[in-house]
């Protein structure tokens, strides 16, 4: 009887038993997903520890410590999501204080993306990349596509930056070289 093409058979000293000639390798995509989950978990632990230390610095006392230098008290945590270059981190426990004075430096308030990720997405829009393509690239790189509200906020930020640039103070005259001449020709800015 011919041997199966899918399961090679090798002989062993004890007798003839079917064995795989190559070790069983995990599915590469499954391995990458598992590795990403581990990386995201490690980043989450690190971020939460940094925020706890920031709060400790803010209130001037460790957990359960009574000192005259204490400037406030802890008030539990709240959860939020954050998209990092490692991937989407869900349910980060963000500590807070009773007076509401503590704000972490790990991420900006109300922002769901790290600043460099938001900047990268914004630059893709400026370069003329379609919204759909930006979503596909973000999905591939980060494991999450930006929501419609995120895209709207990024476009609003771009519009505000453009308006600030457009309304910047400008000199009355601008000198620029005229091709083929050795002197400068002066031109006034258009006044609106």
Foldseek 3Di string as FASTA:
>chain_A
DDDDPVFDWDQDPVGTDGDHPDDDDPDPVVVVVVVLVVVLVVVLVVVLVVQQVQVCVVQVHHVPDDDPSGNFAWDFWFFDWAFEQSAIRGGRTHTATPVRPDDDPPDDPPDRYRVVLLVVLLVCVVVPHDLVVSQVVCCVRHVGGDDPVSVVVSVVVVVVVVVCVVPDDDDQKDWDCDPPDDDTDIDGDDDD
